[in-house]
C-alpha atoms as a PDB file:
ATOM      1  CA  MET A   1      93.228  -1.929 -25.248  1.00  0.00           C
ATOM      2  CA  ALA A   2      90.712   0.099 -27.271  1.00  0.00           C
ATOM      3  CA  GLU A   3      93.439   2.213 -28.832  1.00  0.00           C
ATOM      4  CA  ARG A   4      95.394  -0.823 -30.027  1.00  0.00           C
ATOM      5  CA  LEU A   5      92.271  -2.589 -31.295  1.00  0.00           C
ATOM      6  CA  PHE A   6      91.216   0.581 -33.129  1.00  0.00           C
ATOM      7  CA  ARG A   7      94.619   1.029 -34.771  1.00  0.00           C
ATOM      8  CA  TRP A   8      94.633  -2.628 -35.826  1.00  0.00           C
ATOM      9  CA  ALA A   9      91.108  -2.525 -37.273  1.00  0.00           C
ATOM     10  CA  ALA A  10      91.497   0.920 -38.878  1.00  0.00           C
ATOM     11  CA  ALA A  11      94.645  -0.211 -40.701  1.00  0.00           C
ATOM     12  CA  GLY A  12      95.914   3.345 -41.165  1.00  0.00           C
ATOM     13  CA  ARG A  13      92.587   4.866 -42.276  1.00  0.00           C
ATOM     14  CA  HIS A  14      92.121   6.674 -38.943  1.00  0.00           C
ATOM     15  CA  GLU A  15      94.239   7.620 -35.945  1.00  0.00           C
ATOM     16  CA  SER A  16      93.632   7.133 -32.246  1.00  0.00           C
ATOM     17  CA  ARG A  17      95.019   8.143 -28.874  1.00  0.00           C
ATOM     18  CA  SER A  18      94.131   6.829 -25.476  1.00  0.00           C
ATOM     19  CA  GLY A  19      94.031   8.277 -22.003  1.00  0.00           C
ATOM     20  CA  GLY A  20      92.258   7.559 -18.789  1.00  0.00           C
ATOM     21  CA  ALA A  21      90.582   9.458 -15.976  1.00  0.00           C
ATOM     22  CA  ASP A  22      92.570   7.332 -13.516  1.00  0.00           C
ATOM     23  CA  PRO A  23      95.298   5.447 -15.410  1.00  0.00           C
ATOM     24  CA  HIS A  24      96.816   2.490 -13.568  1.00  0.00           C
ATOM     25  CA  GLY A  25     100.515   1.818 -13.188  1.00  0.00           C
ATOM     26  CA  SER A  26     103.430   2.800 -15.363  1.00  0.00           C
ATOM     27  CA  GLY A  27     103.243   0.044 -17.955  1.00  0.00           C
ATOM     28  CA  ALA A  28     100.889  -2.138 -19.908  1.00  0.00           C
ATOM     29  CA  GLU A  29      98.627  -4.486 -17.953  1.00  0.00           C
ATOM     30  CA  PRO A  30     100.063  -8.013 -18.464  1.00  0.00           C
ATOM     31  CA  ALA A  31      96.716  -9.749 -19.090  1.00  0.00           C
ATOM     32  CA  VAL A  32      95.741  -7.087 -21.634  1.00  0.00           C
ATOM     33  CA  VAL A  33      99.078  -7.506 -23.416  1.00  0.00           C
ATOM     34  CA  GLU A  34      98.490 -11.264 -23.527  1.00  0.00           C
ATOM     35  CA  ALA A  35      94.891 -10.943 -24.767  1.00  0.00           C
ATOM     36  CA  LEU A  36      95.975  -8.587 -27.544  1.00  0.00           C
ATOM     37  CA  ARG A  37      98.970 -10.761 -28.417  1.00  0.00           C
ATOM     38  CA  GLU A  38      96.516 -13.597 -29.110  1.00  0.00           C
ATOM     39  CA  LEU A  39      95.201 -11.438 -31.976  1.00  0.00           C
ATOM     40  CA  GLY A  40      98.671 -10.542 -33.216  1.00  0.00           C
ATOM     41  CA  ILE A  41      98.697  -7.070 -31.634  1.00  0.00           C
ATOM     42  CA  ASP A  42     101.757  -5.955 -29.660  1.00  0.00           C
ATOM     43  CA  ALA A  43     100.849  -3.630 -26.776  1.00  0.00           C
ATOM     44  CA  SER A  44     103.919  -4.308 -24.649  1.00  0.00           C
ATOM     45  CA  ASP A  45     105.190  -0.742 -25.143  1.00  0.00           C
ATOM     46  CA  HIS A  46     101.983   0.938 -23.950  1.00  0.00           C
ATOM     47  CA  VAL A  47     102.417   3.617 -21.279  1.00  0.00           C
ATOM     48  CA  PRO A  48      99.209   4.660 -19.476  1.00  0.00           C
ATOM     49  CA  HIS A  49      98.489   8.383 -19.259  1.00  0.00           C
ATOM     50  CA  GLY A  50      95.585  10.591 -18.280  1.00  0.00           C
ATOM     51  CA  PHE A  51      93.336  12.578 -20.544  1.00  0.00           C
ATOM     52  CA  ASP A  52      94.692  15.992 -21.335  1.00  0.00           C
ATOM     53  CA  GLU A  53      93.268  18.977 -23.147  1.00  0.00           C
ATOM     54  CA  ALA A  54      95.485  18.439 -26.200  1.00  0.00           C
ATOM     55  CA  ASP A  55      94.156  14.903 -26.704  1.00  0.00           C
ATOM     56  CA  LEU A  56      90.567  16.062 -26.392  1.00  0.00           C
ATOM     57  CA  ALA A  57      91.084  19.022 -28.728  1.00  0.00           C
ATOM     58  CA  TRP A  58      92.697  16.719 -31.318  1.00  0.00           C
ATOM     59  CA  ALA A  59      89.898  14.150 -31.378  1.00  0.00           C
ATOM     60  CA  ASP A  60      86.824  14.179 -33.589  1.00  0.00           C
ATOM     61  CA  VAL A  61      85.223  11.390 -31.530  1.00  0.00           C
ATOM     62  CA  VAL A  62      85.808  10.772 -27.833  1.00  0.00           C
ATOM     63  CA  ILE A  63      85.101   7.308 -26.488  1.00  0.00           C
ATOM     64  CA  VAL A  64      84.766   7.141 -22.715  1.00  0.00           C
ATOM     65  CA  ALA A  65      84.245   4.389 -20.196  1.00  0.00           C
ATOM     66  CA  CYS A  66      84.627   6.484 -17.064  1.00  0.00           C
ATOM     67  CA  ASP A  67      81.052   7.211 -15.964  1.00  0.00           C
ATOM     68  CA  GLY A  68      81.006  10.972 -15.527  1.00  0.00           C
ATOM     69  CA  VAL A  69      84.588  11.590 -14.385  1.00  0.00           C
ATOM     70  CA  CYS A  70      85.978  12.256 -17.860  1.00  0.00           C
ATOM     71  CA  PRO A  71      86.262  15.839 -19.058  1.00  0.00           C
ATOM     72  CA  VAL A  72      83.773  17.020 -21.663  1.00  0.00           C
ATOM     73  CA  VAL A  73      84.543  19.433 -24.494  1.00  0.00           C
ATOM     74  CA  ALA A  74      81.626  21.089 -26.275  1.00  0.00           C
ATOM     75  CA  GLY A  75      81.283  20.236 -29.948  1.00  0.00           C
ATOM     76  CA  LYS A  76      82.833  16.773 -29.731  1.00  0.00           C
ATOM     77  CA  ARG A  77      81.048  13.539 -30.494  1.00  0.00           C
ATOM     78  CA  TYR A  78      81.053  11.414 -27.330  1.00  0.00           C
ATOM     79  CA  GLU A  79      80.223   7.751 -26.854  1.00  0.00           C
ATOM     80  CA  ASN A  80      80.200   6.032 -23.469  1.00  0.00           C
ATOM     81  CA  TRP A  81      80.963   2.377 -23.984  1.00  0.00           C
ATOM     82  CA  GLU A  82      80.483   1.391 -20.319  1.00  0.00           C
ATOM     83  CA  ILE A  83      83.067  -1.372 -20.538  1.00  0.00           C
ATOM     84  CA  SER A  84      84.584  -3.089 -17.517  1.00  0.00           C
ATOM     85  CA  ASP A  85      88.113  -2.173 -16.498  1.00  0.00           C
ATOM     86  CA  ALA A  86      90.535  -4.999 -17.279  1.00  0.00           C
ATOM     87  CA  TYR A  87      93.031  -3.833 -14.671  1.00  0.00           C
ATOM     88  CA  GLY A  88      94.090  -6.653 -12.385  1.00  0.00           C
ATOM     89  CA  LEU A  89      91.978  -9.302 -14.107  1.00  0.00           C
ATOM     90  CA  PRO A  90      93.308 -12.629 -15.345  1.00  0.00           C
ATOM     91  CA  VAL A  91      93.517 -13.095 -19.114  1.00  0.00           C
ATOM     92  CA  GLU A  92      90.457 -15.382 -19.031  1.00  0.00           C
ATOM     93  CA  GLN A  93      88.369 -12.420 -17.842  1.00  0.00           C
ATOM     94  CA  VAL A  94      90.099  -9.933 -20.150  1.00  0.00           C
ATOM     95  CA  ARG A  95      89.236 -11.840 -23.348  1.00  0.00           C
ATOM     96  CA  PRO A  96      85.478 -11.060 -23.225  1.00  0.00           C
ATOM     97  CA  ILE A  97      86.290  -7.370 -22.566  1.00  0.00           C
ATOM     98  CA  ARG A  98      88.707  -7.404 -25.508  1.00  0.00           C
ATOM     99  CA  ASP A  99      86.070  -8.978 -27.742  1.00  0.00           C
ATOM    100  CA  GLU A 100      83.414  -6.432 -26.698  1.00  0.00           C
ATOM    101  CA  ILE A 101      85.784  -3.557 -27.390  1.00  0.00           C
ATOM    102  CA  ALA A 102      86.698  -5.047 -30.791  1.00  0.00           C
ATOM    103  CA  HIS A 103      82.995  -5.311 -31.638  1.00  0.00           C
ATOM    104  CA  ARG A 104      82.406  -1.670 -30.678  1.00  0.00           C
ATOM    105  CA  VAL A 105      85.508  -0.539 -32.572  1.00  0.00           C
ATOM    106  CA  ASN A 106      84.179  -2.198 -35.722  1.00  0.00           C
ATOM    107  CA  GLY A 107      80.841  -0.434 -35.244  1.00  0.00           C
ATOM    108  CA  LEU A 108      82.577   2.904 -34.768  1.00  0.00           C
ATOM    109  CA  LEU A 109      84.704   2.395 -37.864  1.00  0.00           C
ATOM    110  CA  ALA A 110      81.570   1.678 -39.882  1.00  0.00           C
ATOM    111  CA  THR A 111      80.232   5.124 -38.901  1.00  0.00           C
ATOM    112  CA  LEU A 112      83.491   6.859 -39.772  1.00  0.00           C
ATOM    113  CA  GLY A 113      83.746   5.550 -43.319  1.00  0.00           C
ATOM    114  CA  SER A 114      87.020   5.778 -45.166  1.00  0.00           C
ATOM    115  CA  ASP A 115      87.811   9.471 -44.640  1.00  0.00           C
ATOM    116  CA  PRO A 116      90.723   9.908 -42.199  1.00  0.00           C
ATOM    117  CA  ALA A 117      89.701  11.263 -38.810  1.00  0.00           C
ATOM    118  CA  GLY A 118      91.212  11.451 -35.366  1.00  0.00           C
ATOM    119  CA  VAL A 119      89.582   9.253 -32.751  1.00  0.00           C
END
């Protein structure tokens, strides 16, 4: 969800990739797809995958929500957003998570400015 919200808000100024310490399933979570669709964002093609070294090496900023189980690479800017996992929740409970992530994405973008960077 964060990756799609970031791409939407960044509008091409920055790039993002997502991965998880313990990704769920083989497709997008239906309630997340619905919550993003309400904003005009299509996430139906999302395929969950785990963090890998290439993703971490690519990033300038690493956003985590995995409480100590995510890999750490020296020299990277890390932020732990401590956001609830939307997996298995109904859309009514996903909306507040979506809105919190969108708020944090906007704050992150404000710190990045307009210079392209990988997030």
